[in-house]
Amino acid sequence: MVSFVTGGWVVGVPSGYFFGFVYPGSGLVGIWYGVLLGYFVTASIGDMFVSLSNWTELSRLSQQRVQRQHSSLNDEQGSLSNLLIPDLEAKDVNGDDDDNPDD
């Protein structure tokens, strides 16, 4: 969020205005240069956040969240396997549960 606001609104819009209307002879191309500069700043800030993140800790926290959600799902609805594995004893499309096609 910080990278998008900073790159788009703090850098992109003002530089697009400057290159498009203040800097002589740029016009529409200058606006695109400003947008391009904003995208470059957005990508640079995003890259900084990704490279400075502690991925081991973030992975551990994510695994804990999944474990909590899995355990609460088991508490509320029974086993998770009941949700994922279809009931093999279910009735067929015709409504009968035997394998005799002559019914």
PDB file of N, CA and C in Angstrom:
ATOM      1  N   MET A   1       0.823  -1.184   0.000  1.00  0.00           N
ATOM      2  CA  MET A   1       0.000   0.000   0.000  1.00  0.00           C
ATOM      3  C   MET A   1       0.875   1.259   0.000  1.00  0.00           C
ATOM      4  N   VAL A   2       1.911   1.227   0.798  1.00  0.00           N
ATOM      5  CA  VAL A   2       2.812   2.380   0.874  1.00  0.00           C
ATOM      6  C   VAL A   2       3.479   2.611  -0.478  1.00  0.00           C
ATOM      7  N   SER A   3       3.894   1.521  -1.118  1.00  0.00           N
ATOM      8  CA  SER A   3       4.585   1.678  -2.400  1.00  0.00           C
ATOM      9  C   SER A   3       3.651   2.233  -3.476  1.00  0.00           C
ATOM     10  N   PHE A   4       2.388   1.806  -3.487  1.00  0.00           N
ATOM     11  CA  PHE A   4       1.452   2.291  -4.498  1.00  0.00           C
ATOM     12  C   PHE A   4       1.114   3.767  -4.294  1.00  0.00           C
ATOM     13  N   VAL A   5       0.893   4.151  -3.055  1.00  0.00           N
ATOM     14  CA  VAL A   5       0.581   5.561  -2.782  1.00  0.00           C
ATOM     15  C   VAL A   5       1.787   6.433  -3.096  1.00  0.00           C
ATOM     16  N   THR A   6       2.947   6.003  -2.654  1.00  0.00           N
ATOM     17  CA  THR A   6       4.150   6.803  -2.877  1.00  0.00           C
ATOM     18  C   THR A   6       4.493   6.881  -4.361  1.00  0.00           C
ATOM     19  N   GLY A   7       4.523   5.719  -5.016  1.00  0.00           N
ATOM     20  CA  GLY A   7       4.909   5.713  -6.430  1.00  0.00           C
ATOM     21  C   GLY A   7       3.882   6.366  -7.326  1.00  0.00           C
ATOM     22  N   GLY A   8       2.606   6.111  -7.072  1.00  0.00           N
ATOM     23  CA  GLY A   8       1.568   6.629  -7.951  1.00  0.00           C
ATOM     24  C   GLY A   8       1.223   8.075  -7.716  1.00  0.00           C
ATOM     25  N   TRP A   9       0.952   8.408  -6.455  1.00  0.00           N
ATOM     26  CA  TRP A   9       0.439   9.749  -6.167  1.00  0.00           C
ATOM     27  C   TRP A   9       1.521  10.746  -5.772  1.00  0.00           C
ATOM     28  N   VAL A  10       2.515  10.306  -5.039  1.00  0.00           N
ATOM     29  CA  VAL A  10       3.543  11.243  -4.584  1.00  0.00           C
ATOM     30  C   VAL A  10       4.571  11.500  -5.683  1.00  0.00           C
ATOM     31  N   VAL A  11       4.863  10.482  -6.500  1.00  0.00           N
ATOM     32  CA  VAL A  11       5.879  10.652  -7.547  1.00  0.00           C
ATOM     33  C   VAL A  11       5.244  10.734  -8.934  1.00  0.00           C
ATOM     34  N   GLY A  12       4.374   9.776  -9.267  1.00  0.00           N
ATOM     35  CA  GLY A  12       3.852   9.676 -10.628  1.00  0.00           C
ATOM     36  C   GLY A  12       3.030  10.854 -11.090  1.00  0.00           C
ATOM     37  N   VAL A  13       2.050  11.268 -10.303  1.00  0.00           N
ATOM     38  CA  VAL A  13       1.177  12.366 -10.717  1.00  0.00           C
ATOM     39  C   VAL A  13       1.931  13.700 -10.800  1.00  0.00           C
ATOM     40  N   PRO A  14       2.686  14.085  -9.766  1.00  0.00           N
ATOM     41  CA  PRO A  14       3.410  15.361  -9.897  1.00  0.00           C
ATOM     42  C   PRO A  14       4.456  15.365 -11.014  1.00  0.00           C
ATOM     43  N   SER A  15       5.174  14.251 -11.173  1.00  0.00           N
ATOM     44  CA  SER A  15       6.180  14.239 -12.245  1.00  0.00           C
ATOM     45  C   SER A  15       5.518  14.201 -13.618  1.00  0.00           C
ATOM     46  N   GLY A  16       4.355  13.521 -13.724  1.00  0.00           N
ATOM     47  CA  GLY A  16       3.614  13.551 -14.982  1.00  0.00           C
ATOM     48  C   GLY A  16       3.146  14.955 -15.325  1.00  0.00           C
ATOM     49  N   TYR A  17       2.682  15.665 -14.317  1.00  0.00           N
ATOM     50  CA  TYR A  17       2.278  17.058 -14.528  1.00  0.00           C
ATOM     51  C   TYR A  17       3.477  17.907 -14.953  1.00  0.00           C
ATOM     52  N   PHE A  18       4.591  17.724 -14.236  1.00  0.00           N
ATOM     53  CA  PHE A  18       5.779  18.519 -14.549  1.00  0.00           C
ATOM     54  C   PHE A  18       6.270  18.235 -15.959  1.00  0.00           C
ATOM     55  N   PHE A  19       6.465  16.948 -16.294  1.00  0.00           N
ATOM     56  CA  PHE A  19       6.991  16.610 -17.618  1.00  0.00           C
ATOM     57  C   PHE A  19       5.981  16.884 -18.736  1.00  0.00           C
ATOM     58  N   GLY A  20       4.700  16.823 -18.428  1.00  0.00           N
ATOM     59  CA  GLY A  20       3.696  17.027 -19.462  1.00  0.00           C
ATOM     60  C   GLY A  20       3.336  18.470 -19.724  1.00  0.00           C
ATOM     61  N   PHE A  21       3.347  19.310 -18.669  1.00  0.00           N
ATOM     62  CA  PHE A  21       2.850  20.678 -18.831  1.00  0.00           C
ATOM     63  C   PHE A  21       3.885  21.763 -18.536  1.00  0.00           C
ATOM     64  N   VAL A  22       4.831  21.508 -17.665  1.00  0.00           N
ATOM     65  CA  VAL A  22       5.795  22.541 -17.280  1.00  0.00           C
ATOM     66  C   VAL A  22       7.059  22.450 -18.137  1.00  0.00           C
ATOM     67  N   TYR A  23       7.569  21.244 -18.285  1.00  0.00           N
ATOM     68  CA  TYR A  23       8.788  21.036 -19.078  1.00  0.00           C
ATOM     69  C   TYR A  23       8.464  21.304 -20.544  1.00  0.00           C
ATOM     70  N   PRO A  24       9.214  22.171 -21.189  1.00  0.00           N
ATOM     71  CA  PRO A  24       8.839  22.580 -22.551  1.00  0.00           C
ATOM     72  C   PRO A  24       9.002  21.466 -23.588  1.00  0.00           C
ATOM     73  N   GLY A  25       7.984  21.345 -24.430  1.00  0.00           N
ATOM     74  CA  GLY A  25       8.063  20.444 -25.576  1.00  0.00           C
ATOM     75  C   GLY A  25       7.759  18.978 -25.307  1.00  0.00           C
ATOM     76  N   SER A  26       7.338  18.600 -24.099  1.00  0.00           N
ATOM     77  CA  SER A  26       7.114  17.184 -23.815  1.00  0.00           C
ATOM     78  C   SER A  26       5.695  16.743 -24.140  1.00  0.00           C
ATOM     79  N   GLY A  27       4.700  17.455 -23.668  1.00  0.00           N
ATOM     80  CA  GLY A  27       3.306  17.113 -23.941  1.00  0.00           C
ATOM     81  C   GLY A  27       2.910  15.760 -23.370  1.00  0.00           C
ATOM     82  N   LEU A  28       2.219  14.985 -24.202  1.00  0.00           N
ATOM     83  CA  LEU A  28       1.708  13.688 -23.777  1.00  0.00           C
ATOM     84  C   LEU A  28       2.822  12.713 -23.418  1.00  0.00           C
ATOM     85  N   VAL A  29       3.921  12.791 -24.144  1.00  0.00           N
ATOM     86  CA  VAL A  29       5.057  11.917 -23.846  1.00  0.00           C
ATOM     87  C   VAL A  29       5.593  12.212 -22.444  1.00  0.00           C
ATOM     88  N   GLY A  30       5.584  13.451 -22.028  1.00  0.00           N
ATOM     89  CA  GLY A  30       6.032  13.823 -20.689  1.00  0.00           C
ATOM     90  C   GLY A  30       5.141  13.246 -19.606  1.00  0.00           C
ATOM     91  N   ILE A  31       3.827  13.208 -19.882  1.00  0.00           N
ATOM     92  CA  ILE A  31       2.910  12.586 -18.912  1.00  0.00           C
ATOM     93  C   ILE A  31       3.247  11.110 -18.763  1.00  0.00           C
ATOM     94  N   TRP A  32       3.520  10.443 -19.894  1.00  0.00           N
ATOM     95  CA  TRP A  32       3.881   9.027 -19.827  1.00  0.00           C
ATOM     96  C   TRP A  32       5.206   8.827 -19.099  1.00  0.00           C
ATOM     97  N   TYR A  33       6.145   9.732 -19.274  1.00  0.00           N
ATOM     98  CA  TYR A  33       7.401   9.647 -18.524  1.00  0.00           C
ATOM     99  C   TYR A  33       7.145   9.748 -17.023  1.00  0.00           C
ATOM    100  N   GLY A  34       6.246  10.630 -16.626  1.00  0.00           N
ATOM    101  CA  GLY A  34       5.909  10.753 -15.211  1.00  0.00           C
ATOM    102  C   GLY A  34       5.268   9.486 -14.670  1.00  0.00           C
ATOM    103  N   VAL A  35       4.345   8.900 -15.445  1.00  0.00           N
ATOM    104  CA  VAL A  35       3.716   7.640 -15.032  1.00  0.00           C
ATOM    105  C   VAL A  35       4.768   6.541 -14.932  1.00  0.00           C
ATOM    106  N   LEU A  36       5.648   6.476 -15.902  1.00  0.00           N
ATOM    107  CA  LEU A  36       6.721   5.484 -15.890  1.00  0.00           C
ATOM    108  C   LEU A  36       7.622   5.646 -14.663  1.00  0.00           C
ATOM    109  N   LEU A  37       7.939   6.879 -14.332  1.00  0.00           N
ATOM    110  CA  LEU A  37       8.746   7.132 -13.143  1.00  0.00           C
ATOM    111  C   LEU A  37       8.013   6.690 -11.874  1.00  0.00           C
ATOM    112  N   GLY A  38       6.703   6.934 -11.818  1.00  0.00           N
ATOM    113  CA  GLY A  38       5.912   6.476 -10.672  1.00  0.00           C
ATOM    114  C   GLY A  38       5.906   4.960 -10.539  1.00  0.00           C
ATOM    115  N   TYR A  39       5.754   4.261 -11.674  1.00  0.00           N
ATOM    116  CA  TYR A  39       5.802   2.799 -11.640  1.00  0.00           C
ATOM    117  C   TYR A  39       7.169   2.293 -11.206  1.00  0.00           C
ATOM    118  N   PHE A  40       8.214   2.958 -11.654  1.00  0.00           N
ATOM    119  CA  PHE A  40       9.558   2.562 -11.255  1.00  0.00           C
ATOM    120  C   PHE A  40       9.735   2.716  -9.740  1.00  0.00           C
ATOM    121  N   VAL A  41       9.252   3.803  -9.178  1.00  0.00           N
ATOM    122  CA  VAL A  41       9.344   4.005  -7.727  1.00  0.00           C
ATOM    123  C   VAL A  41       8.508   2.964  -6.988  1.00  0.00           C
ATOM    124  N   THR A  42       7.307   2.658  -7.496  1.00  0.00           N
ATOM    125  CA  THR A  42       6.458   1.634  -6.878  1.00  0.00           C
ATOM    126  C   THR A  42       7.164   0.290  -6.863  1.00  0.00           C
ATOM    127  N   ALA A  43       7.739  -0.099  -7.997  1.00  0.00           N
ATOM    128  CA  ALA A  43       8.449  -1.377  -8.070  1.00  0.00           C
ATOM    129  C   ALA A  43       9.676  -1.391  -7.169  1.00  0.00           C
ATOM    130  N   SER A  44      10.391  -0.285  -7.087  1.00  0.00           N
ATOM    131  CA  SER A  44      11.584  -0.226  -6.236  1.00  0.00           C
ATOM    132  C   SER A  44      11.234  -0.362  -4.759  1.00  0.00           C
ATOM    133  N   ILE A  45      10.178   0.315  -4.328  1.00  0.00           N
ATOM    134  CA  ILE A  45       9.763   0.209  -2.925  1.00  0.00           C
ATOM    135  C   ILE A  45       9.255  -1.199  -2.632  1.00  0.00           C
ATOM    136  N   GLY A  46       8.478  -1.776  -3.547  1.00  0.00           N
ATOM    137  CA  GLY A  46       8.012  -3.148  -3.367  1.00  0.00           C
ATOM    138  C   GLY A  46       9.162  -4.129  -3.292  1.00  0.00           C
ATOM    139  N   ASP A  47      10.154  -3.947  -4.146  1.00  0.00           N
ATOM    140  CA  ASP A  47      11.335  -4.804  -4.126  1.00  0.00           C
ATOM    141  C   ASP A  47      12.084  -4.660  -2.811  1.00  0.00           C
ATOM    142  N   MET A  48      12.160  -3.447  -2.283  1.00  0.00           N
ATOM    143  CA  MET A  48      12.831  -3.234  -1.004  1.00  0.00           C
ATOM    144  C   MET A  48      12.105  -3.990   0.117  1.00  0.00           C
ATOM    145  N   PHE A  49      10.762  -3.913   0.139  1.00  0.00           N
ATOM    146  CA  PHE A  49      10.004  -4.627   1.170  1.00  0.00           C
ATOM    147  C   PHE A  49      10.189  -6.135   1.059  1.00  0.00           C
ATOM    148  N   VAL A  50      10.196  -6.641  -0.159  1.00  0.00           N
ATOM    149  CA  VAL A  50      10.353  -8.091  -0.352  1.00  0.00           C
ATOM    150  C   VAL A  50      11.742  -8.539   0.080  1.00  0.00           C
ATOM    151  N   SER A  51      12.775  -7.801  -0.297  1.00  0.00           N
ATOM    152  CA  SER A  51      14.122  -8.243   0.041  1.00  0.00           C
ATOM    153  C   SER A  51      14.479  -8.040   1.507  1.00  0.00           C
ATOM    154  N   LEU A  52      13.805  -7.129   2.193  1.00  0.00           N
ATOM    155  CA  LEU A  52      14.109  -6.913   3.607  1.00  0.00           C
ATOM    156  C   LEU A  52      13.212  -7.728   4.550  1.00  0.00           C
ATOM    157  N   SER A  53      12.255  -8.486   3.998  1.00  0.00           N
ATOM    158  CA  SER A  53      11.343  -9.265   4.838  1.00  0.00           C
ATOM    159  C   SER A  53      12.046 -10.495   5.392  1.00  0.00           C
ATOM    160  N   ASN A  54      11.661 -10.873   6.596  1.00  0.00           N
ATOM    161  CA  ASN A  54      12.171 -12.084   7.222  1.00  0.00           C
ATOM    162  C   ASN A  54      11.263 -13.240   6.795  1.00  0.00           C
ATOM    163  N   TRP A  55      11.634 -13.920   5.713  1.00  0.00           N
ATOM    164  CA  TRP A  55      10.754 -14.923   5.122  1.00  0.00           C
ATOM    165  C   TRP A  55      10.609 -16.161   5.995  1.00  0.00           C
ATOM    166  N   THR A  56      11.613 -16.473   6.799  1.00  0.00           N
ATOM    167  CA  THR A  56      11.495 -17.609   7.712  1.00  0.00           C
ATOM    168  C   THR A  56      10.410 -17.340   8.743  1.00  0.00           C
ATOM    169  N   GLU A  57      10.406 -16.151   9.311  1.00  0.00           N
ATOM    170  CA  GLU A  57       9.400 -15.787  10.310  1.00  0.00           C
ATOM    171  C   GLU A  57       8.010 -15.676   9.675  1.00  0.00           C
ATOM    172  N   LEU A  58       7.924 -15.078   8.508  1.00  0.00           N
ATOM    173  CA  LEU A  58       6.634 -14.967   7.839  1.00  0.00           C
ATOM    174  C   LEU A  58       6.060 -16.334   7.480  1.00  0.00           C
ATOM    175  N   SER A  59       6.924 -17.260   7.083  1.00  0.00           N
ATOM    176  CA  SER A  59       6.473 -18.623   6.781  1.00  0.00           C
ATOM    177  C   SER A  59       5.972 -19.321   8.036  1.00  0.00           C
ATOM    178  N   ARG A  60       6.674 -19.142   9.142  1.00  0.00           N
ATOM    179  CA  ARG A  60       6.248 -19.750  10.405  1.00  0.00           C
ATOM    180  C   ARG A  60       4.887 -19.203  10.841  1.00  0.00           C
ATOM    181  N   LEU A  61       4.709 -17.890  10.745  1.00  0.00           N
ATOM    182  CA  LEU A  61       3.430 -17.286  11.117  1.00  0.00           C
ATOM    183  C   LEU A  61       2.297 -17.771  10.218  1.00  0.00           C
ATOM    184  N   SER A  62       2.584 -17.920   8.934  1.00  0.00           N
ATOM    185  CA  SER A  62       1.572 -18.415   8.008  1.00  0.00           C
ATOM    186  C   SER A  62       1.173 -19.855   8.338  1.00  0.00           C
ATOM    187  N   GLN A  63       2.135 -20.680   8.676  1.00  0.00           N
ATOM    188  CA  GLN A  63       1.837 -22.065   9.045  1.00  0.00           C
ATOM    189  C   GLN A  63       1.006 -22.119  10.324  1.00  0.00           C
ATOM    190  N   GLN A  64       1.282 -21.238  11.263  1.00  0.00           N
ATOM    191  CA  GLN A  64       0.476 -21.197  12.486  1.00  0.00           C
ATOM    192  C   GLN A  64      -0.961 -20.784  12.180  1.00  0.00           C
ATOM    193  N   ARG A  65      -1.165 -19.807  11.296  1.00  0.00           N
ATOM    194  CA  ARG A  65      -2.522 -19.403  10.921  1.00  0.00           C
ATOM    195  C   ARG A  65      -3.284 -20.547  10.271  1.00  0.00           C
ATOM    196  N   VAL A  66      -2.614 -21.299   9.392  1.00  0.00           N
ATOM    197  CA  VAL A  66      -3.266 -22.422   8.736  1.00  0.00           C
ATOM    198  C   VAL A  66      -3.630 -23.490   9.757  1.00  0.00           C
ATOM    199  N   GLN A  67      -2.756 -23.753  10.700  1.00  0.00           N
ATOM    200  CA  GLN A  67      -3.043 -24.749  11.743  1.00  0.00           C
ATOM    201  C   GLN A  67      -4.249 -24.318  12.578  1.00  0.00           C
ATOM    202  N   ARG A  68      -4.308 -23.038  12.946  1.00  0.00           N
ATOM    203  CA  ARG A  68      -5.460 -22.552  13.718  1.00  0.00           C
ATOM    204  C   ARG A  68      -6.756 -22.675  12.928  1.00  0.00           C
ATOM    205  N   GLN A  69      -6.722 -22.301  11.672  1.00  0.00           N
ATOM    206  CA  GLN A  69      -7.922 -22.395  10.844  1.00  0.00           C
ATOM    207  C   GLN A  69      -8.325 -23.848  10.636  1.00  0.00           C
ATOM    208  N   HIS A  70      -7.350 -24.716  10.460  1.00  0.00           N
ATOM    209  CA  HIS A  70      -7.637 -26.139  10.269  1.00  0.00           C
ATOM    210  C   HIS A  70      -8.261 -26.730  11.526  1.00  0.00           C
ATOM    211  N   SER A  71      -7.731 -26.381  12.686  1.00  0.00           N
ATOM    212  CA  SER A  71      -8.270 -26.933  13.925  1.00  0.00           C
ATOM    213  C   SER A  71      -9.662 -26.378  14.206  1.00  0.00           C
ATOM    214  N   SER A  72      -9.917 -25.104  13.885  1.00  0.00           N
ATOM    215  CA  SER A  72     -11.255 -24.567  14.107  1.00  0.00           C
ATOM    216  C   SER A  72     -12.242 -25.174  13.120  1.00  0.00           C
ATOM    217  N   LEU A  73     -11.812 -25.499  11.922  1.00  0.00           N
ATOM    218  CA  LEU A  73     -12.671 -26.162  10.953  1.00  0.00           C
ATOM    219  C   LEU A  73     -13.014 -27.565  11.439  1.00  0.00           C
ATOM    220  N   ASN A  74     -12.057 -28.263  11.995  1.00  0.00           N
ATOM    221  CA  ASN A  74     -12.318 -29.604  12.528  1.00  0.00           C
ATOM    222  C   ASN A  74     -13.272 -29.541  13.709  1.00  0.00           C
ATOM    223  N   ASP A  75     -13.143 -28.527  14.553  1.00  0.00           N
ATOM    224  CA  ASP A  75     -14.029 -28.396  15.704  1.00  0.00           C
ATOM    225  C   ASP A  75     -15.465 -28.103  15.275  1.00  0.00           C
ATOM    226  N   GLU A  76     -15.636 -27.290  14.228  1.00  0.00           N
ATOM    227  CA  GLU A  76     -16.968 -26.875  13.817  1.00  0.00           C
ATOM    228  C   GLU A  76     -17.679 -27.909  12.962  1.00  0.00           C
ATOM    229  N   GLN A  77     -16.976 -28.568  12.062  1.00  0.00           N
ATOM    230  CA  GLN A  77     -17.649 -29.406  11.079  1.00  0.00           C
ATOM    231  C   GLN A  77     -17.153 -30.838  11.050  1.00  0.00           C
ATOM    232  N   GLY A  78     -16.446 -31.269  12.009  1.00  0.00           N
ATOM    233  CA  GLY A  78     -15.929 -32.633  11.987  1.00  0.00           C
ATOM    234  C   GLY A  78     -14.617 -32.675  11.241  1.00  0.00           C
ATOM    235  N   SER A  79     -14.303 -33.825  10.756  1.00  0.00           N
ATOM    236  CA  SER A  79     -13.022 -34.030  10.093  1.00  0.00           C
ATOM    237  C   SER A  79     -12.974 -33.316   8.754  1.00  0.00           C
ATOM    238  N   LEU A  80     -11.812 -32.781   8.437  1.00  0.00           N
ATOM    239  CA  LEU A  80     -11.615 -32.116   7.161  1.00  0.00           C
ATOM    240  C   LEU A  80     -11.752 -33.110   6.020  1.00  0.00           C
ATOM    241  N   SER A  81     -11.408 -34.353   6.245  1.00  0.00           N
ATOM    242  CA  SER A  81     -11.506 -35.339   5.182  1.00  0.00           C
ATOM    243  C   SER A  81     -12.954 -35.561   4.758  1.00  0.00           C
ATOM    244  N   ASN A  82     -13.910 -35.332   5.646  1.00  0.00           N
ATOM    245  CA  ASN A  82     -15.313 -35.452   5.260  1.00  0.00           C
ATOM    246  C   ASN A  82     -15.702 -34.393   4.243  1.00  0.00           C
ATOM    247  N   LEU A  83     -15.011 -33.257   4.272  1.00  0.00           N
ATOM    248  CA  LEU A  83     -15.320 -32.197   3.321  1.00  0.00           C
ATOM    249  C   LEU A  83     -14.649 -32.436   1.974  1.00  0.00           C
ATOM    250  N   LEU A  84     -13.505 -33.092   1.979  1.00  0.00           N
ATOM    251  CA  LEU A  84     -12.727 -33.240   0.763  1.00  0.00           C
ATOM    252  C   LEU A  84     -12.996 -34.544   0.028  1.00  0.00           C
ATOM    253  N   ILE A  85     -13.325 -35.613   0.739  1.00  0.00           N
ATOM    254  CA  ILE A  85     -13.533 -36.919   0.127  1.00  0.00           C
ATOM    255  C   ILE A  85     -15.029 -37.152  -0.015  1.00  0.00           C
ATOM    256  N   PRO A  86     -15.521 -37.404  -1.220  1.00  0.00           N
ATOM    257  CA  PRO A  86     -16.957 -37.607  -1.385  1.00  0.00           C
ATOM    258  C   PRO A  86     -17.413 -38.908  -0.741  1.00  0.00           C
ATOM    259  N   ASP A  87     -18.677 -38.946  -0.378  1.00  0.00           N
ATOM    260  CA  ASP A  87     -19.256 -40.136   0.229  1.00  0.00           C
ATOM    261  C   ASP A  87     -19.421 -41.193  -0.845  1.00  0.00           C
ATOM    262  N   LEU A  88     -18.702 -42.322  -0.696  1.00  0.00           N
ATOM    263  CA  LEU A  88     -18.744 -43.370  -1.697  1.00  0.00           C
ATOM    264  C   LEU A  88     -20.024 -44.185  -1.620  1.00  0.00           C
ATOM    265  N   GLU A  89     -20.761 -44.068  -0.553  1.00  0.00           N
ATOM    266  CA  GLU A  89     -22.008 -44.793  -0.380  1.00  0.00           C
ATOM    267  C   GLU A  89     -23.207 -43.976  -0.874  1.00  0.00           C
ATOM    268  N   ALA A  90     -22.974 -42.844  -1.478  1.00  0.00           N
ATOM    269  CA  ALA A  90     -24.070 -41.969  -1.902  1.00  0.00           C
ATOM    270  C   ALA A  90     -24.892 -42.631  -2.996  1.00  0.00           C
ATOM    271  N   LYS A  91     -26.136 -42.226  -3.080  1.00  0.00           N
ATOM    272  CA  LYS A  91     -27.025 -42.776  -4.101  1.00  0.00           C
ATOM    273  C   LYS A  91     -26.616 -42.258  -5.467  1.00  0.00           C
ATOM    274  N   ASP A  92     -26.909 -43.078  -6.500  1.00  0.00           N
ATOM    275  CA  ASP A  92     -26.578 -42.646  -7.841  1.00  0.00           C
ATOM    276  C   ASP A  92     -27.633 -41.681  -8.376  1.00  0.00           C
ATOM    277  N   VAL A  93     -27.527 -41.297  -9.615  1.00  0.00           N
ATOM    278  CA  VAL A  93     -28.378 -40.266 -10.182  1.00  0.00           C
ATOM    279  C   VAL A  93     -29.849 -40.696 -10.211  1.00  0.00           C
ATOM    280  N   ASN A  94     -30.104 -41.998 -10.395  1.00  0.00           N
ATOM    281  CA  ASN A  94     -31.477 -42.492 -10.488  1.00  0.00           C
ATOM    282  C   ASN A  94     -32.164 -42.570  -9.132  1.00  0.00           C
ATOM    283  N   GLY A  95     -31.432 -42.452  -8.076  1.00  0.00           N
ATOM    284  CA  GLY A  95     -32.030 -42.494  -6.752  1.00  0.00           C
ATOM    285  C   GLY A  95     -31.925 -43.843  -6.066  1.00  0.00           C
ATOM    286  N   ASP A  96     -31.480 -44.865  -6.767  1.00  0.00           N
ATOM    287  CA  ASP A  96     -31.294 -46.161  -6.109  1.00  0.00           C
ATOM    288  C   ASP A  96     -29.822 -46.363  -5.824  1.00  0.00           C
ATOM    289  N   ASP A  97     -29.524 -47.216  -4.872  1.00  0.00           N
ATOM    290  CA  ASP A  97     -28.148 -47.375  -4.474  1.00  0.00           C
ATOM    291  C   ASP A  97     -27.598 -48.736  -4.831  1.00  0.00           C
ATOM    292  N   ASP A  98     -28.276 -49.519  -5.670  1.00  0.00           N
ATOM    293  CA  ASP A  98     -27.698 -50.785  -6.085  1.00  0.00           C
ATOM    294  C   ASP A  98     -27.149 -50.638  -7.491  1.00  0.00           C
ATOM    295  N   ASP A  99     -26.430 -51.644  -7.924  1.00  0.00           N
ATOM    296  CA  ASP A  99     -25.765 -51.584  -9.232  1.00  0.00           C
ATOM    297  C   ASP A  99     -26.566 -52.267 -10.326  1.00  0.00           C
ATOM    298  N   ASN A 100     -27.820 -52.609 -10.094  1.00  0.00           N
ATOM    299  CA  ASN A 100     -28.638 -53.318 -11.058  1.00  0.00           C
ATOM    300  C   ASN A 100     -29.223 -52.317 -12.050  1.00  0.00           C
ATOM    301  N   PRO A 101     -28.841 -52.370 -13.334  1.00  0.00           N
ATOM    302  CA  PRO A 101     -29.331 -51.398 -14.314  1.00  0.00           C
ATOM    303  C   PRO A 101     -30.753 -51.698 -14.785  1.00  0.00           C
ATOM    304  N   ASP A 102     -31.342 -52.873 -14.392  1.00  0.00           N
ATOM    305  CA  ASP A 102     -32.664 -53.252 -14.868  1.00  0.00           C
ATOM    306  C   ASP A 102     -33.797 -52.630 -14.061  1.00  0.00           C
ATOM    307  N   ASP A 103     -33.499 -51.856 -13.011  1.00  0.00           N
ATOM    308  CA  ASP A 103     -34.558 -51.295 -12.160  1.00  0.00           C
ATOM    309  C   ASP A 103     -35.363 -50.246 -12.847  1.00  0.00           C
TER     310      ASP A 103
END
